[in-house]
Amino acid sequence: MMTFELLKTDSLSSARAGLITTDHGQIKTPIFMPVGTGATVKTVHQRELRNDIDPDVILGNTYHLYLRPGISILEQAGGIHKFMGWDRNILTDSGGYQVYSLSANRKIKEEGVKFKSHIDGSYHVFTPENVMDVQRQIGADIIMAFDECTPYPCDYNYARRSMQMTHRWLDRCITHFKKTQPIYDYSQTLFPIVQGSTYKDLRIQSAEYIANSNAPGNAIGGLSVGEPAEEMYAMCEVVCEVLPEDKPRYLMGVGTPINILENIALGIDMFDCVMPTRNARNGMLFTAHGTINIKNKKWEDDFSELDEMGLTFVDTEYSKAYLRHLFASNEFLGRQIATIHNLGFYMWLVREARKHILDGDFKSWKDKMVKQMDKRL
């Protein structure tokens, strides 16, 4: 089974450094998980992912993998690790967020969710039970309970009913998970998900319910769906006060580099977000001194490194001018370099956060970095 060791908590904040251990190796927290939705981190070869970005864990998505390539193919391959040639940890989201995003093409009932495929229009049903089966077949190390992600803004009564249904679904997930065994030769761990929109009392109720499930780790969902950052931080703060200290805490779908540092300070251990990869493909780079739109003409004759601190995450020190040229010429290499840079920066950021937590000066470093990164270059 997965284990978690809490190594140190910052004295001036709730930031934590820890160590998760699974059958596929160790995960040093705080950690950012690159998003590999369909068994690939977009534009990045596994070689670059392993050697340049070097994450302990990546994320896949149950909804997308279920539809394509399909569960039968993944089982025939021997699970997602063998299918995609990745021998480190993988976490799968249960599909709850994708169901939320398909609001025009799904129907939610107590039994589960009927939804229409975005690929071919075919209809499918997800229930707490078959989502556990599907994630067994995919074979991720850490799998998520099936939940409903509420939109923002959300009516209080709807948020309360949705949260209560998510709790009932969790009970069904746990019951079915315990009845089944891993298909492949390693263990799997189930994380429940805290919901409750941006209502403090609901978030506390949900966190208490999730904590009482006594799972090896816990997740916080339904944030980063359009709410102001301050509301996200407020909800994370109250939830982290309830969730057990000796279990890892995973904030789903968050976020910007600043979001990540502020939530680490509140006690979050794990993050994922499409932002570094999606923004990279559109020419936005994250650096230690702010964000860069590399498509802007101002970079046309700027031959300096991509990051003013000299942080290099690709195998060659490319200049801003060269990367701008690649985007202006619509060369695929530009998207690849930008993606590796952004993911490398995110990994550097969480590793630096961990180092400063262990060294005892996280708060002052975090405050400096937040101010430094909060600008467009």
Protein backbone atom coordinates (compact mmCIF):
# COMPACT_ATOMS: atom_id res chain seq x y z
CA MET A 1 0.00 0.00 0.00
CA MET A 2 0.97 3.62 -0.48
CA THR A 3 2.67 5.27 2.50
CA PHE A 4 3.25 8.91 3.42
CA GLU A 5 5.94 10.30 5.67
CA LEU A 6 5.65 13.91 6.83
CA LEU A 7 9.23 15.15 7.11
CA LYS A 8 8.82 18.79 8.13
CA THR A 9 6.23 21.56 8.49
CA ASP A 10 7.26 25.19 8.02
CA SER A 11 7.25 27.20 11.26
CA LEU A 12 5.73 30.37 9.71
CA SER A 13 3.13 28.72 7.47
CA SER A 14 1.46 25.33 7.00
CA ALA A 15 3.79 24.29 4.16
CA ARG A 16 4.91 20.67 4.39
CA ALA A 17 7.67 18.50 2.95
CA GLY A 18 6.84 14.82 2.73
CA LEU A 19 7.51 11.54 1.00
CA ILE A 20 4.91 9.30 -0.68
CA THR A 21 6.00 5.77 -1.51
CA THR A 22 4.17 3.44 -3.90
CA ASP A 23 5.17 0.30 -5.79
CA HIS A 24 6.40 2.54 -8.62
CA GLY A 25 8.73 4.58 -6.43
CA GLN A 26 8.92 7.67 -4.26
CA ILE A 27 7.11 10.99 -4.73
CA LYS A 28 8.76 13.92 -2.98
CA THR A 29 6.17 16.48 -1.88
CA PRO A 30 5.18 19.17 -2.56
CA ILE A 31 4.83 17.86 -6.10
CA PHE A 32 3.42 19.05 -9.41
CA MET A 33 2.06 16.35 -11.73
CA PRO A 34 2.31 17.00 -15.48
CA VAL A 35 -1.01 16.24 -17.15
CA GLY A 36 -0.90 13.31 -19.55
CA THR A 37 -4.63 13.16 -20.20
CA GLY A 38 -4.65 10.51 -22.93
CA ALA A 39 -1.47 8.60 -21.93
CA THR A 40 0.75 11.38 -23.28
CA VAL A 41 2.00 14.74 -22.05
CA LYS A 42 1.24 16.81 -25.14
CA THR A 43 4.23 17.55 -27.44
CA VAL A 44 6.72 15.88 -25.07
CA HIS A 45 8.47 12.57 -25.75
CA GLN A 46 8.83 10.23 -22.77
CA ARG A 47 12.61 10.64 -23.09
CA GLU A 48 12.36 14.40 -22.47
CA LEU A 49 9.74 13.84 -19.81
CA ARG A 50 12.07 11.49 -17.95
CA ASN A 51 15.39 13.26 -18.48
CA ASP A 52 14.58 16.99 -18.71
CA ILE A 53 11.41 17.40 -16.66
CA ASP A 54 11.93 14.39 -14.38
CA PRO A 55 8.57 14.18 -12.53
CA ASP A 56 7.96 11.52 -9.88
CA VAL A 57 4.33 11.17 -11.02
CA ILE A 58 2.15 12.17 -13.96
CA LEU A 59 -1.63 12.32 -14.35
CA GLY A 60 -3.95 10.51 -16.76
CA ASN A 61 -7.69 10.82 -17.16
CA THR A 62 -10.25 8.05 -16.83
CA TYR A 63 -12.85 9.66 -19.12
CA HIS A 64 -10.44 10.17 -22.02
CA LEU A 65 -8.64 6.82 -21.65
CA TYR A 66 -11.97 4.99 -21.39
CA LEU A 67 -13.11 6.48 -24.71
CA ARG A 68 -9.75 6.27 -26.47
CA PRO A 69 -7.80 3.97 -26.77
CA GLY A 70 -10.39 2.07 -24.72
CA ILE A 71 -10.09 -0.20 -21.71
CA SER A 72 -9.64 -3.38 -23.75
CA ILE A 73 -6.50 -2.01 -25.42
CA LEU A 74 -5.04 -0.89 -22.09
CA GLU A 75 -5.64 -4.30 -20.53
CA GLN A 76 -4.11 -6.09 -23.51
CA ALA A 77 -1.05 -3.83 -23.16
CA GLY A 78 -0.68 -4.78 -19.50
CA GLY A 79 -1.88 -1.47 -18.07
CA ILE A 80 -1.13 2.18 -18.70
CA HIS A 81 2.52 2.04 -17.56
CA LYS A 82 3.44 -0.53 -20.20
CA PHE A 83 1.15 1.01 -22.81
CA MET A 84 2.88 4.41 -22.68
CA GLY A 85 6.36 3.26 -21.66
CA TRP A 86 6.38 5.03 -18.28
CA ASP A 87 7.82 3.21 -15.25
CA ARG A 88 7.12 5.86 -12.61
CA ASN A 89 3.94 6.78 -10.77
CA ILE A 90 0.64 7.60 -12.47
CA LEU A 91 -2.51 9.11 -10.93
CA THR A 92 -5.87 9.03 -12.70
CA ASP A 93 -8.69 11.53 -12.26
CA SER A 94 -12.02 9.67 -12.12
CA GLY A 95 -13.72 11.65 -14.90
CA GLY A 96 -15.88 13.74 -12.57
CA TYR A 97 -14.43 16.99 -13.90
CA GLN A 98 -14.94 15.95 -17.53
CA VAL A 99 -18.55 15.06 -16.75
CA TYR A 100 -18.92 18.55 -15.23
CA SER A 101 -17.49 20.14 -18.38
CA LEU A 102 -19.96 18.21 -20.59
CA SER A 103 -22.93 20.00 -19.02
CA ALA A 104 -24.89 20.05 -22.30
CA ASN A 105 -24.30 16.36 -22.99
CA ARG A 106 -24.84 14.56 -19.69
CA LYS A 107 -27.54 13.66 -17.20
CA ILE A 108 -26.70 13.20 -13.51
CA LYS A 109 -28.76 10.83 -11.37
CA GLU A 110 -28.22 9.03 -8.08
CA GLU A 111 -27.13 5.89 -9.90
CA GLY A 112 -24.45 7.73 -11.88
CA VAL A 113 -23.98 9.86 -14.97
CA LYS A 114 -25.09 9.21 -18.54
CA PHE A 115 -22.98 11.18 -20.97
CA LYS A 116 -22.39 11.61 -24.67
CA SER A 117 -18.90 11.03 -26.06
CA HIS A 118 -17.25 14.15 -27.46
CA ILE A 119 -15.56 11.87 -30.04
CA ASP A 120 -18.43 10.08 -31.80
CA GLY A 121 -21.63 11.04 -29.96
CA SER A 122 -22.13 7.57 -28.45
CA TYR A 123 -23.76 7.31 -25.02
CA HIS A 124 -22.06 5.87 -21.94
CA VAL A 125 -22.75 5.57 -18.21
CA PHE A 126 -20.31 6.15 -15.36
CA THR A 127 -21.24 4.90 -11.89
CA PRO A 128 -19.09 4.83 -8.76
CA GLU A 129 -18.71 1.09 -9.24
CA ASN A 130 -17.74 0.95 -12.90
CA VAL A 131 -15.38 3.92 -12.51
CA MET A 132 -13.50 1.83 -9.92
CA ASP A 133 -13.42 -1.07 -12.39
CA VAL A 134 -12.20 1.16 -15.21
CA GLN A 135 -9.41 2.59 -13.05
CA ARG A 136 -8.42 -0.93 -12.01
CA GLN A 137 -8.15 -1.77 -15.71
CA ILE A 138 -6.20 1.40 -16.53
CA GLY A 139 -3.82 0.54 -13.72
CA ALA A 140 -2.81 3.89 -12.19
CA ASP A 141 -1.04 3.83 -8.82
CA ILE A 142 -3.37 6.43 -7.28
CA ILE A 143 -7.00 6.53 -8.39
CA MET A 144 -9.77 8.98 -7.56
CA ALA A 145 -13.29 8.47 -6.24
CA PHE A 146 -16.14 9.41 -8.59
CA ASP A 147 -17.55 12.83 -7.68
CA GLU A 148 -19.63 15.66 -9.07
CA CYS A 149 -17.70 18.86 -9.66
CA THR A 150 -20.02 21.82 -9.11
CA PRO A 151 -19.73 24.95 -11.29
CA TYR A 152 -18.96 28.47 -10.11
CA PRO A 153 -21.03 30.32 -9.14
CA CYS A 154 -23.22 27.64 -7.61
CA ASP A 155 -26.48 27.90 -5.68
CA TYR A 156 -26.03 26.87 -2.03
CA ASN A 157 -28.77 24.24 -2.07
CA TYR A 158 -27.44 22.69 -5.27
CA ALA A 159 -23.91 22.65 -3.83
CA ARG A 160 -25.19 20.94 -0.66
CA ARG A 161 -27.17 18.29 -2.56
CA SER A 162 -24.24 17.68 -4.91
CA MET A 163 -21.81 17.33 -2.00
CA GLN A 164 -24.09 14.84 -0.24
CA MET A 165 -24.39 12.78 -3.42
CA THR A 166 -20.60 12.86 -3.83
CA HIS A 167 -20.36 11.44 -0.30
CA ARG A 168 -22.82 8.66 -1.11
CA TRP A 169 -20.89 7.93 -4.29
CA LEU A 170 -17.70 7.79 -2.22
CA ASP A 171 -19.20 5.12 0.03
CA ARG A 172 -20.06 3.08 -3.05
CA CYS A 173 -16.56 3.61 -4.48
CA ILE A 174 -14.93 2.40 -1.27
CA THR A 175 -17.21 -0.62 -0.98
CA HIS A 176 -16.57 -1.68 -4.57
CA PHE A 177 -12.84 -0.90 -4.40
CA LYS A 178 -12.49 -3.19 -1.38
CA LYS A 179 -14.34 -5.98 -3.22
CA THR A 180 -11.90 -5.90 -6.12
CA GLN A 181 -8.18 -6.54 -6.54
CA PRO A 182 -5.52 -4.89 -8.69
CA ILE A 183 -5.29 -6.45 -12.12
CA TYR A 184 -1.55 -5.90 -12.48
CA ASP A 185 1.38 -6.75 -10.20
CA TYR A 186 1.29 -3.64 -8.01
CA SER A 187 -1.08 -2.06 -5.51
CA GLN A 188 -3.48 0.84 -6.08
CA THR A 189 -4.61 3.56 -3.66
CA LEU A 190 -7.99 5.32 -3.65
CA PHE A 191 -8.31 9.04 -2.76
CA PRO A 192 -11.71 10.56 -1.88
CA ILE A 193 -12.52 14.13 -2.96
CA VAL A 194 -13.74 17.06 -0.84
CA GLN A 195 -16.48 19.14 -2.49
CA GLY A 196 -18.77 21.97 -1.31
CA SER A 197 -18.21 24.80 -3.79
CA THR A 198 -17.11 28.06 -2.11
CA TYR A 199 -19.29 27.65 1.00
CA LYS A 200 -17.21 27.36 4.15
CA ASP A 201 -19.70 25.27 6.11
CA LEU A 202 -20.10 22.79 3.25
CA ARG A 203 -16.35 22.51 2.77
CA ILE A 204 -15.93 21.76 6.48
CA GLN A 205 -18.71 19.15 6.39
CA SER A 206 -17.21 17.51 3.33
CA ALA A 207 -13.67 17.55 4.73
CA GLU A 208 -14.93 15.90 7.92
CA TYR A 209 -16.75 13.21 5.93
CA ILE A 210 -13.71 12.56 3.76
CA ALA A 211 -11.38 12.48 6.77
CA ASN A 212 -13.64 9.89 8.43
CA SER A 213 -13.24 7.59 5.43
CA ASN A 214 -9.65 7.07 6.63
CA ALA A 215 -8.21 6.84 3.12
CA PRO A 216 -4.41 6.90 2.64
CA GLY A 217 -4.67 10.32 0.95
CA ASN A 218 -7.28 12.98 0.25
CA ALA A 219 -8.12 15.33 -2.61
CA ILE A 220 -9.84 18.71 -2.84
CA GLY A 221 -11.97 19.20 -5.96
CA GLY A 222 -14.33 21.81 -7.36
CA LEU A 223 -11.87 24.71 -7.15
CA SER A 224 -10.09 26.46 -10.02
CA VAL A 225 -13.42 26.46 -11.90
CA GLY A 226 -13.70 30.23 -12.20
CA GLU A 227 -13.76 31.42 -8.60
CA PRO A 228 -11.43 34.28 -7.53
CA ALA A 229 -8.08 33.09 -6.20
CA GLU A 230 -8.84 34.47 -2.74
CA GLU A 231 -11.92 32.23 -2.50
CA MET A 232 -9.85 29.23 -3.56
CA TYR A 233 -7.29 29.99 -0.84
CA ALA A 234 -10.01 30.48 1.77
CA MET A 235 -11.58 27.10 0.96
CA CYS A 236 -8.21 25.31 0.97
CA GLU A 237 -7.34 26.84 4.32
CA VAL A 238 -10.50 25.60 6.06
CA VAL A 239 -10.23 22.16 4.44
CA CYS A 240 -6.58 21.72 5.42
CA GLU A 241 -7.50 22.52 9.02
CA VAL A 242 -9.79 19.47 8.97
CA LEU A 243 -7.98 16.90 6.81
CA PRO A 244 -5.52 14.71 8.76
CA GLU A 245 -1.91 15.90 8.87
CA ASP A 246 -0.51 12.42 8.31
CA LYS A 247 -2.12 12.01 4.86
CA PRO A 248 -1.14 13.76 1.60
CA ARG A 249 -3.48 16.49 0.34
CA TYR A 250 -4.07 16.87 -3.38
CA LEU A 251 -5.60 20.07 -4.82
CA MET A 252 -7.03 19.12 -8.21
CA GLY A 253 -6.55 21.26 -11.31
CA VAL A 254 -4.49 24.09 -9.78
CA GLY A 255 -2.94 26.23 -11.14
CA THR A 256 -0.60 29.18 -11.84
CA PRO A 257 2.86 29.22 -10.23
CA ILE A 258 1.59 31.77 -7.71
CA ASN A 259 -1.50 29.62 -6.95
CA ILE A 260 0.78 26.67 -6.28
CA LEU A 261 3.08 28.53 -3.89
CA GLU A 262 0.17 30.09 -1.96
CA ASN A 263 -1.55 26.71 -1.61
CA ILE A 264 1.68 25.01 -0.54
CA ALA A 265 1.78 27.61 2.24
CA LEU A 266 -1.74 26.46 3.27
CA GLY A 267 -0.70 22.80 3.57
CA ILE A 268 -1.33 21.32 0.09
CA ASP A 269 1.08 18.61 -1.08
CA MET A 270 0.04 17.66 -4.64
CA PHE A 271 -1.01 19.64 -7.71
CA ASP A 272 -1.85 19.13 -11.37
CA CYS A 273 -2.89 21.57 -14.09
CA VAL A 274 -2.95 21.80 -17.89
CA MET A 275 -1.79 25.42 -17.70
CA PRO A 276 1.97 24.90 -18.23
CA THR A 277 1.41 22.68 -21.29
CA ARG A 278 -1.62 24.45 -22.79
CA ASN A 279 -0.15 27.92 -22.33
CA ALA A 280 3.18 26.74 -23.76
CA ARG A 281 1.49 25.64 -26.98
CA ASN A 282 0.07 29.16 -27.25
CA GLY A 283 3.44 30.83 -26.68
CA MET A 284 3.22 31.77 -22.98
CA LEU A 285 6.28 30.98 -20.89
CA PHE A 286 6.47 30.96 -17.10
CA THR A 287 9.73 32.22 -15.60
CA ALA A 288 11.06 33.16 -12.18
CA HIS A 289 10.57 36.84 -13.04
CA GLY A 290 7.11 36.71 -14.65
CA THR A 291 5.33 35.47 -17.76
CA ILE A 292 6.44 35.98 -21.35
CA ASN A 293 4.31 35.96 -24.51
CA ILE A 294 7.06 34.77 -26.81
CA LYS A 295 4.99 35.67 -29.89
CA ASN A 296 5.40 39.40 -29.17
CA LYS A 297 7.65 41.32 -31.58
CA LYS A 298 9.72 42.65 -28.67
CA TRP A 299 11.49 39.26 -28.47
CA GLU A 300 12.39 39.21 -32.19
CA ASP A 301 16.03 40.27 -31.61
CA ASP A 302 16.39 39.26 -27.93
CA PHE A 303 19.12 36.65 -27.81
CA SER A 304 19.05 36.20 -24.03
CA GLU A 305 18.07 32.96 -22.31
CA LEU A 306 14.41 32.11 -21.76
CA ASP A 307 14.67 32.71 -18.00
CA GLU A 308 16.58 35.65 -16.50
CA MET A 309 17.84 33.40 -13.70
CA GLY A 310 19.47 31.16 -16.27
CA LEU A 311 17.15 28.25 -15.50
CA THR A 312 17.47 25.82 -18.40
CA PHE A 313 15.21 22.79 -18.69
CA VAL A 314 15.86 21.78 -22.30
CA ASP A 315 18.97 20.15 -23.73
CA THR A 316 20.12 23.37 -25.46
CA GLU A 317 20.08 26.99 -24.26
CA TYR A 318 17.64 28.43 -26.79
CA SER A 319 17.21 32.21 -26.99
CA LYS A 320 13.97 34.14 -26.87
CA ALA A 321 14.58 35.26 -30.46
CA TYR A 322 14.94 31.67 -31.69
CA LEU A 323 11.82 30.48 -29.89
CA ARG A 324 9.84 33.46 -31.23
CA HIS A 325 11.04 32.56 -34.73
CA LEU A 326 9.78 28.98 -34.29
CA PHE A 327 6.31 30.20 -33.25
CA ALA A 328 6.21 32.79 -36.05
CA SER A 329 7.09 30.01 -38.50
CA ASN A 330 4.56 27.60 -36.96
CA GLU A 331 7.30 25.05 -36.32
CA PHE A 332 6.26 22.22 -33.99
CA LEU A 333 9.64 22.41 -32.25
CA GLY A 334 8.60 25.75 -30.75
CA ARG A 335 5.69 24.14 -28.92
CA GLN A 336 7.93 21.34 -27.70
CA ILE A 337 10.63 23.67 -26.35
CA ALA A 338 8.02 25.90 -24.68
CA THR A 339 6.27 22.91 -23.08
CA ILE A 340 9.48 21.41 -21.73
CA HIS A 341 10.49 24.84 -20.41
CA ASN A 342 7.17 25.42 -18.63
CA LEU A 343 6.99 21.94 -17.11
CA GLY A 344 10.63 22.18 -16.12
CA PHE A 345 9.93 25.50 -14.43
CA TYR A 346 6.96 24.09 -12.51
CA MET A 347 9.06 21.16 -11.33
CA TRP A 348 11.87 23.52 -10.33
CA LEU A 349 9.39 25.66 -8.40
CA VAL A 350 7.95 22.84 -6.28
CA ARG A 351 11.42 21.37 -5.67
CA GLU A 352 12.71 24.76 -4.54
CA ALA A 353 9.65 25.07 -2.29
CA ARG A 354 10.49 21.68 -0.75
CA LYS A 355 14.13 22.70 -0.27
CA HIS A 356 13.14 25.93 1.50
CA ILE A 357 10.64 24.09 3.71
CA LEU A 358 13.38 21.69 4.79
CA ASP A 359 15.83 24.59 5.24
CA GLY A 360 13.32 26.54 7.37
CA ASP A 361 12.99 29.71 5.25
CA PHE A 362 10.03 28.87 3.01
CA LYS A 363 7.82 31.83 3.98
CA SER A 364 10.32 34.55 3.09
CA TRP A 365 11.32 32.77 -0.13
CA LYS A 366 7.66 32.26 -1.12
CA ASP A 367 6.78 35.91 -0.53
CA LYS A 368 9.74 37.01 -2.66
CA MET A 369 8.87 34.59 -5.48
CA VAL A 370 5.18 35.55 -5.55
CA LYS A 371 6.06 39.22 -5.92
CA GLN A 372 8.71 38.44 -8.53
CA MET A 373 6.46 36.23 -10.70
CA ASP A 374 3.40 38.49 -10.59
CA LYS A 375 4.15 40.45 -13.75
CA ARG A 376 4.18 40.20 -17.52
CA LEU A 377 7.55 40.73 -19.12
